Amino acid sequence: MVVDPGELAAVVRSITGGTDPGPWSCQEIHDAVPSATIGLWRIRGGGWSVVLKVVGLGTGGHPAWRAGADVGHWY
C-alpha cells in the first residue's frame, strides 16, 4: 500500500508537536499478515522515531487472521 505523503506529514507534525521536524524518512516494516492491518511503517527523523500502523477492514492477509465486518467481531 502506498501512503499519502500528506497524511504522513500530518502524523509527523502531531508527533513533533507541530514544529518543523526537519528531514525525515519512511520505511515499510513488512507486509501485514492480519487483514485488519493495512500496513506498518517506521518513520524517522533527527532524534525521533515512530511506528505507524494503519488499520482497516482488508480482504487480504492470512486466512487464519481475517477481520470481520461486524464491529463486535473478535478480531
PDB file of N, CA and C in Angstrom:
ATOM      1  N   MET A   1       0.840  -1.181   0.000  1.00  0.00           N
ATOM      2  CA  MET A   1       0.000   0.000   0.000  1.00  0.00           C
ATOM      3  C   MET A   1       0.876   1.232   0.000  1.00  0.00           C
ATOM      4  N   VAL A   2       0.502   2.202  -0.779  1.00  0.00           N
ATOM      5  CA  VAL A   2       1.212   3.470  -0.812  1.00  0.00           C
ATOM      6  C   VAL A   2       0.537   4.418   0.172  1.00  0.00           C
ATOM      7  N   VAL A   3       1.339   5.066   0.993  1.00  0.00           N
ATOM      8  CA  VAL A   3       0.814   6.001   1.980  1.00  0.00           C
ATOM      9  C   VAL A   3       0.908   7.408   1.411  1.00  0.00           C
ATOM     10  N   ASP A   4      -0.157   8.173   1.562  1.00  0.00           N
ATOM     11  CA  ASP A   4      -0.200   9.559   1.098  1.00  0.00           C
ATOM     12  C   ASP A   4       0.822  10.385   1.879  1.00  0.00           C
ATOM     13  N   PRO A   5       1.763  11.044   1.185  1.00  0.00           N
ATOM     14  CA  PRO A   5       2.775  11.846   1.884  1.00  0.00           C
ATOM     15  C   PRO A   5       2.168  12.934   2.768  1.00  0.00           C
ATOM     16  N   GLY A   6       1.017  13.472   2.386  1.00  0.00           N
ATOM     17  CA  GLY A   6       0.349  14.481   3.208  1.00  0.00           C
ATOM     18  C   GLY A   6      -0.119  13.905   4.531  1.00  0.00           C
ATOM     19  N   GLU A   7      -0.624  12.666   4.501  1.00  0.00           N
ATOM     20  CA  GLU A   7      -1.038  12.006   5.736  1.00  0.00           C
ATOM     21  C   GLU A   7       0.166  11.730   6.628  1.00  0.00           C
ATOM     22  N   LEU A   8       1.266  11.285   6.013  1.00  0.00           N
ATOM     23  CA  LEU A   8       2.480  11.048   6.799  1.00  0.00           C
ATOM     24  C   LEU A   8       2.976  12.343   7.423  1.00  0.00           C
ATOM     25  N   ALA A   9       2.932  13.431   6.667  1.00  0.00           N
ATOM     26  CA  ALA A   9       3.381  14.725   7.193  1.00  0.00           C
ATOM     27  C   ALA A   9       2.518  15.131   8.388  1.00  0.00           C
ATOM     28  N   ALA A  10       1.216  14.869   8.330  1.00  0.00           N
ATOM     29  CA  ALA A  10       0.333  15.189   9.456  1.00  0.00           C
ATOM     30  C   ALA A  10       0.697  14.361  10.681  1.00  0.00           C
ATOM     31  N   VAL A  11       1.027  13.088  10.488  1.00  0.00           N
ATOM     32  CA  VAL A  11       1.447  12.230  11.604  1.00  0.00           C
ATOM     33  C   VAL A  11       2.742  12.767  12.206  1.00  0.00           C
ATOM     34  N   VAL A  12       3.684  13.117  11.353  1.00  0.00           N
ATOM     35  CA  VAL A  12       4.971  13.631  11.830  1.00  0.00           C
ATOM     36  C   VAL A  12       4.756  14.929  12.614  1.00  0.00           C
ATOM     37  N   ARG A  13       3.903  15.827  12.112  1.00  0.00           N
ATOM     38  CA  ARG A  13       3.634  17.082  12.836  1.00  0.00           C
ATOM     39  C   ARG A  13       3.011  16.804  14.201  1.00  0.00           C
ATOM     40  N   SER A  14       2.110  15.817  14.281  1.00  0.00           N
ATOM     41  CA  SER A  14       1.490  15.521  15.571  1.00  0.00           C
ATOM     42  C   SER A  14       2.504  14.936  16.559  1.00  0.00           C
ATOM     43  N   ILE A  15       3.449  14.162  16.048  1.00  0.00           N
ATOM     44  CA  ILE A  15       4.479  13.564  16.907  1.00  0.00           C
ATOM     45  C   ILE A  15       5.427  14.628  17.435  1.00  0.00           C
ATOM     46  N   THR A  16       5.767  15.565  16.575  1.00  0.00           N
ATOM     47  CA  THR A  16       6.763  16.571  16.941  1.00  0.00           C
ATOM     48  C   THR A  16       6.127  17.842  17.497  1.00  0.00           C
ATOM     49  N   GLY A  17       4.844  17.793  17.793  1.00  0.00           N
ATOM     50  CA  GLY A  17       4.182  18.946  18.391  1.00  0.00           C
ATOM     51  C   GLY A  17       3.917  20.080  17.413  1.00  0.00           C
ATOM     52  N   GLY A  18       3.829  19.763  16.136  1.00  0.00           N
ATOM     53  CA  GLY A  18       3.527  20.778  15.134  1.00  0.00           C
ATOM     54  C   GLY A  18       4.728  21.586  14.704  1.00  0.00           C
ATOM     55  N   THR A  19       5.890  21.287  15.265  1.00  0.00           N
ATOM     56  CA  THR A  19       7.100  22.014  14.872  1.00  0.00           C
ATOM     57  C   THR A  19       7.669  21.413  13.599  1.00  0.00           C
ATOM     58  N   ASP A  20       8.601  22.116  13.004  1.00  0.00           N
ATOM     59  CA  ASP A  20       9.263  21.601  11.801  1.00  0.00           C
ATOM     60  C   ASP A  20      10.142  20.423  12.199  1.00  0.00           C
ATOM     61  N   PRO A  21       9.816  19.207  11.735  1.00  0.00           N
ATOM     62  CA  PRO A  21      10.587  18.035  12.154  1.00  0.00           C
ATOM     63  C   PRO A  21      11.929  17.901  11.459  1.00  0.00           C
ATOM     64  N   GLY A  22      12.205  18.760  10.482  1.00  0.00           N
ATOM     65  CA  GLY A  22      13.424  18.619   9.705  1.00  0.00           C
ATOM     66  C   GLY A  22      13.278  17.452   8.752  1.00  0.00           C
ATOM     67  N   PRO A  23      14.368  16.993   8.175  1.00  0.00           N
ATOM     68  CA  PRO A  23      14.272  15.870   7.234  1.00  0.00           C
ATOM     69  C   PRO A  23      13.823  14.592   7.939  1.00  0.00           C
ATOM     70  N   TRP A  24      12.976  13.817   7.285  1.00  0.00           N
ATOM     71  CA  TRP A  24      12.518  12.552   7.838  1.00  0.00           C
ATOM     72  C   TRP A  24      12.329  11.560   6.714  1.00  0.00           C
ATOM     73  N   SER A  25      12.308  10.279   7.081  1.00  0.00           N
ATOM     74  CA  SER A  25      12.149   9.214   6.095  1.00  0.00           C
ATOM     75  C   SER A  25      11.111   8.212   6.577  1.00  0.00           C
ATOM     76  N   CYS A  26      10.614   7.434   5.640  1.00  0.00           N
ATOM     77  CA  CYS A  26       9.594   6.435   5.947  1.00  0.00           C
ATOM     78  C   CYS A  26       9.991   5.127   5.278  1.00  0.00           C
ATOM     79  N   GLN A  27       9.906   4.026   6.047  1.00  0.00           N
ATOM     80  CA  GLN A  27      10.267   2.711   5.531  1.00  0.00           C
ATOM     81  C   GLN A  27       9.189   1.711   5.924  1.00  0.00           C
ATOM     82  N   GLU A  28       8.678   0.953   4.952  1.00  0.00           N
ATOM     83  CA  GLU A  28       7.713  -0.091   5.274  1.00  0.00           C
ATOM     84  C   GLU A  28       8.425  -1.178   6.063  1.00  0.00           C
ATOM     85  N   ILE A  29       7.828  -1.599   7.178  1.00  0.00           N
ATOM     86  CA  ILE A  29       8.463  -2.594   8.039  1.00  0.00           C
ATOM     87  C   ILE A  29       8.315  -3.987   7.449  1.00  0.00           C
ATOM     88  N   HIS A  30       7.099  -4.381   7.123  1.00  0.00           N
ATOM     89  CA  HIS A  30       6.873  -5.655   6.452  1.00  0.00           C
ATOM     90  C   HIS A  30       5.433  -5.732   6.000  1.00  0.00           C
ATOM     91  N   ASP A  31       5.146  -6.682   5.133  1.00  0.00           N
ATOM     92  CA  ASP A  31       3.768  -6.895   4.708  1.00  0.00           C
ATOM     93  C   ASP A  31       2.956  -7.401   5.889  1.00  0.00           C
ATOM     94  N   ALA A  32       1.748  -6.915   6.000  1.00  0.00           N
ATOM     95  CA  ALA A  32       0.888  -7.301   7.114  1.00  0.00           C
ATOM     96  C   ALA A  32       0.310  -8.696   6.904  1.00  0.00           C
ATOM     97  N   VAL A  33       0.268  -9.485   7.973  1.00  0.00           N
ATOM     98  CA  VAL A  33      -0.338 -10.818   7.933  1.00  0.00           C
ATOM     99  C   VAL A  33      -1.832 -10.735   8.230  1.00  0.00           C
ATOM    100  N   PRO A  34      -2.240 -10.036   9.309  1.00  0.00           N
ATOM    101  CA  PRO A  34      -3.680  -9.934   9.592  1.00  0.00           C
ATOM    102  C   PRO A  34      -4.355  -9.009   8.583  1.00  0.00           C
ATOM    103  N   SER A  35      -5.579  -9.323   8.190  1.00  0.00           N
ATOM    104  CA  SER A  35      -6.270  -8.487   7.209  1.00  0.00           C
ATOM    105  C   SER A  35      -6.699  -7.149   7.793  1.00  0.00           C
ATOM    106  N   ALA A  36      -6.731  -7.007   9.108  1.00  0.00           N
ATOM    107  CA  ALA A  36      -7.099  -5.735   9.726  1.00  0.00           C
ATOM    108  C   ALA A  36      -5.910  -4.771   9.764  1.00  0.00           C
ATOM    109  N   THR A  37      -4.713  -5.246   9.512  1.00  0.00           N
ATOM    110  CA  THR A  37      -3.543  -4.381   9.466  1.00  0.00           C
ATOM    111  C   THR A  37      -3.238  -4.084   8.009  1.00  0.00           C
ATOM    112  N   ILE A  38      -3.455  -2.830   7.625  1.00  0.00           N
ATOM    113  CA  ILE A  38      -3.218  -2.424   6.248  1.00  0.00           C
ATOM    114  C   ILE A  38      -1.725  -2.285   5.991  1.00  0.00           C
ATOM    115  N   GLY A  39      -0.981  -1.814   6.985  1.00  0.00           N
ATOM    116  CA  GLY A  39       0.457  -1.686   6.829  1.00  0.00           C
ATOM    117  C   GLY A  39       1.139  -1.178   8.081  1.00  0.00           C
ATOM    118  N   LEU A  40       2.458  -1.386   8.147  1.00  0.00           N
ATOM    119  CA  LEU A  40       3.308  -0.923   9.247  1.00  0.00           C
ATOM    120  C   LEU A  40       4.511  -0.195   8.662  1.00  0.00           C
ATOM    121  N   TRP A  41       4.770   1.009   9.167  1.00  0.00           N
ATOM    122  CA  TRP A  41       5.895   1.792   8.683  1.00  0.00           C
ATOM    123  C   TRP A  41       6.675   2.369   9.844  1.00  0.00           C
ATOM    124  N   ARG A  42       7.994   2.500   9.675  1.00  0.00           N
ATOM    125  CA  ARG A  42       8.836   3.213  10.638  1.00  0.00           C
ATOM    126  C   ARG A  42       9.140   4.567  10.001  1.00  0.00           C
ATOM    127  N   ILE A  43       8.840   5.620  10.765  1.00  0.00           N
ATOM    128  CA  ILE A  43       9.112   6.980  10.324  1.00  0.00           C
ATOM    129  C   ILE A  43      10.190   7.529  11.259  1.00  0.00           C
ATOM    130  N   ARG A  44      11.274   8.057  10.665  1.00  0.00           N
ATOM    131  CA  ARG A  44      12.412   8.532  11.459  1.00  0.00           C
ATOM    132  C   ARG A  44      12.809   9.940  11.056  1.00  0.00           C
ATOM    133  N   GLY A  45      13.270  10.664  12.050  1.00  0.00           N
ATOM    134  CA  GLY A  45      13.832  11.986  11.822  1.00  0.00           C
ATOM    135  C   GLY A  45      14.973  12.193  12.785  1.00  0.00           C
ATOM    136  N   GLY A  46      15.474  13.413  12.836  1.00  0.00           N
ATOM    137  CA  GLY A  46      16.589  13.717  13.731  1.00  0.00           C
ATOM    138  C   GLY A  46      16.195  13.606  15.192  1.00  0.00           C
ATOM    139  N   GLY A  47      16.619  12.545  15.871  1.00  0.00           N
ATOM    140  CA  GLY A  47      16.356  12.370  17.289  1.00  0.00           C
ATOM    141  C   GLY A  47      15.006  11.779  17.637  1.00  0.00           C
ATOM    142  N   TRP A  48      14.220  11.348  16.658  1.00  0.00           N
ATOM    143  CA  TRP A  48      12.923  10.744  16.967  1.00  0.00           C
ATOM    144  C   TRP A  48      12.629   9.634  15.964  1.00  0.00           C
ATOM    145  N   SER A  49      11.745   8.730  16.384  1.00  0.00           N
ATOM    146  CA  SER A  49      11.333   7.601  15.556  1.00  0.00           C
ATOM    147  C   SER A  49       9.957   7.144  16.040  1.00  0.00           C
ATOM    148  N   VAL A  50       9.119   6.715  15.126  1.00  0.00           N
ATOM    149  CA  VAL A  50       7.791   6.246  15.478  1.00  0.00           C
ATOM    150  C   VAL A  50       7.384   5.139  14.510  1.00  0.00           C
ATOM    151  N   VAL A  51       6.541   4.229  14.984  1.00  0.00           N
ATOM    152  CA  VAL A  51       5.967   3.206  14.118  1.00  0.00           C
ATOM    153  C   VAL A  51       4.518   3.588  13.864  1.00  0.00           C
ATOM    154  N   LEU A  52       4.139   3.627  12.603  1.00  0.00           N
ATOM    155  CA  LEU A  52       2.775   3.943  12.204  1.00  0.00           C
ATOM    156  C   LEU A  52       2.105   2.663  11.740  1.00  0.00           C
ATOM    157  N   LYS A  53       0.992   2.329  12.377  1.00  0.00           N
ATOM    158  CA  LYS A  53       0.214   1.156  11.994  1.00  0.00           C
ATOM    159  C   LYS A  53      -1.127   1.656  11.477  1.00  0.00           C
ATOM    160  N   VAL A  54      -1.457   1.283  10.257  1.00  0.00           N
ATOM    161  CA  VAL A  54      -2.732   1.662   9.662  1.00  0.00           C
ATOM    162  C   VAL A  54      -3.642   0.443   9.713  1.00  0.00           C
ATOM    163  N   VAL A  55      -4.815   0.613  10.328  1.00  0.00           N
ATOM    164  CA  VAL A  55      -5.763  -0.489  10.446  1.00  0.00           C
ATOM    165  C   VAL A  55      -7.019  -0.187   9.641  1.00  0.00           C
ATOM    166  N   GLY A  56      -7.662  -1.236   9.206  1.00  0.00           N
ATOM    167  CA  GLY A  56      -8.896  -1.121   8.447  1.00  0.00           C
ATOM    168  C   GLY A  56      -9.372  -2.508   8.065  1.00  0.00           C
ATOM    169  N   LEU A  57     -10.548  -2.579   7.500  1.00  0.00           N
ATOM    170  CA  LEU A  57     -11.098  -3.864   7.091  1.00  0.00           C
ATOM    171  C   LEU A  57     -10.535  -4.228   5.730  1.00  0.00           C
ATOM    172  N   GLY A  58      -9.557  -5.108   5.723  1.00  0.00           N
ATOM    173  CA  GLY A  58      -8.947  -5.560   4.484  1.00  0.00           C
ATOM    174  C   GLY A  58      -9.452  -6.929   4.091  1.00  0.00           C
ATOM    175  N   THR A  59      -9.174  -7.297   2.868  1.00  0.00           N
ATOM    176  CA  THR A  59      -9.607  -8.606   2.389  1.00  0.00           C
ATOM    177  C   THR A  59      -8.441  -9.571   2.245  1.00  0.00           C
ATOM    178  N   GLY A  60      -7.220  -9.070   2.365  1.00  0.00           N
ATOM    179  CA  GLY A  60      -6.047  -9.923   2.204  1.00  0.00           C
ATOM    180  C   GLY A  60      -5.617 -10.517   3.521  1.00  0.00           C
ATOM    181  N   GLY A  61      -4.362 -10.859   3.584  1.00  0.00           N
ATOM    182  CA  GLY A  61      -3.807 -11.418   4.803  1.00  0.00           C
ATOM    183  C   GLY A  61      -4.001 -12.916   4.903  1.00  0.00           C
ATOM    184  N   HIS A  62      -3.452 -13.470   5.937  1.00  0.00           N
ATOM    185  CA  HIS A  62      -3.508 -14.910   6.171  1.00  0.00           C
ATOM    186  C   HIS A  62      -4.944 -15.316   6.504  1.00  0.00           C
ATOM    187  N   PRO A  63      -5.437 -16.442   5.981  1.00  0.00           N
ATOM    188  CA  PRO A  63      -6.817 -16.873   6.232  1.00  0.00           C
ATOM    189  C   PRO A  63      -7.161 -17.039   7.714  1.00  0.00           C
ATOM    190  N   ALA A  64      -6.186 -17.358   8.553  1.00  0.00           N
ATOM    191  CA  ALA A  64      -6.452 -17.539   9.983  1.00  0.00           C
ATOM    192  C   ALA A  64      -6.582 -16.210  10.724  1.00  0.00           C
ATOM    193  N   TRP A  65      -6.266 -15.103  10.044  1.00  0.00           N
ATOM    194  CA  TRP A  65      -6.277 -13.793  10.696  1.00  0.00           C
ATOM    195  C   TRP A  65      -7.159 -12.796   9.955  1.00  0.00           C
ATOM    196  N   ARG A  66      -8.293 -13.236   9.442  1.00  0.00           N
ATOM    197  CA  ARG A  66      -9.208 -12.364   8.718  1.00  0.00           C
ATOM    198  C   ARG A  66     -10.059 -11.556   9.688  1.00  0.00           C
ATOM    199  N   ALA A  67     -10.160 -10.287   9.424  1.00  0.00           N
ATOM    200  CA  ALA A  67     -11.010  -9.406  10.228  1.00  0.00           C
ATOM    201  C   ALA A  67     -12.454  -9.565   9.789  1.00  0.00           C
ATOM    202  N   GLY A  68     -13.376  -9.270  10.685  1.00  0.00           N
ATOM    203  CA  GLY A  68     -14.795  -9.338  10.360  1.00  0.00           C
ATOM    204  C   GLY A  68     -15.388  -7.954  10.185  1.00  0.00           C
ATOM    205  N   ALA A  69     -16.400  -7.821   9.343  1.00  0.00           N
ATOM    206  CA  ALA A  69     -17.056  -6.541   9.113  1.00  0.00           C
ATOM    207  C   ALA A  69     -17.891  -6.110  10.319  1.00  0.00           C
ATOM    208  N   ASP A  70     -18.331  -7.058  11.130  1.00  0.00           N
ATOM    209  CA  ASP A  70     -19.129  -6.767  12.318  1.00  0.00           C
ATOM    210  C   ASP A  70     -18.225  -6.117  13.371  1.00  0.00           C
ATOM    211  N   VAL A  71     -18.624  -4.954  13.902  1.00  0.00           N
ATOM    212  CA  VAL A  71     -17.795  -4.270  14.894  1.00  0.00           C
ATOM    213  C   VAL A  71     -17.581  -5.070  16.160  1.00  0.00           C
ATOM    214  N   GLY A  72     -18.423  -6.074  16.406  1.00  0.00           N
ATOM    215  CA  GLY A  72     -18.248  -6.936  17.572  1.00  0.00           C
ATOM    216  C   GLY A  72     -17.404  -8.171  17.300  1.00  0.00           C
ATOM    217  N   HIS A  73     -16.853  -8.260  16.073  1.00  0.00           N
ATOM    218  CA  HIS A  73     -16.021  -9.409  15.698  1.00  0.00           C
ATOM    219  C   HIS A  73     -14.822  -9.510  16.632  1.00  0.00           C
ATOM    220  N   TRP A  74     -14.424 -10.708  16.976  1.00  0.00           N
ATOM    221  CA  TRP A  74     -13.330 -10.911  17.927  1.00  0.00           C
ATOM    222  C   TRP A  74     -12.018 -10.289  17.469  1.00  0.00           C
ATOM    223  N   TYR A  75     -11.849 -10.183  16.148  1.00  0.00           N
ATOM    224  CA  TYR A  75     -10.594  -9.632  15.668  1.00  0.00           C
ATOM    225  C   TYR A  75     -10.862  -8.302  15.000  1.00  0.00           C
TER     226      TYR A  75
END
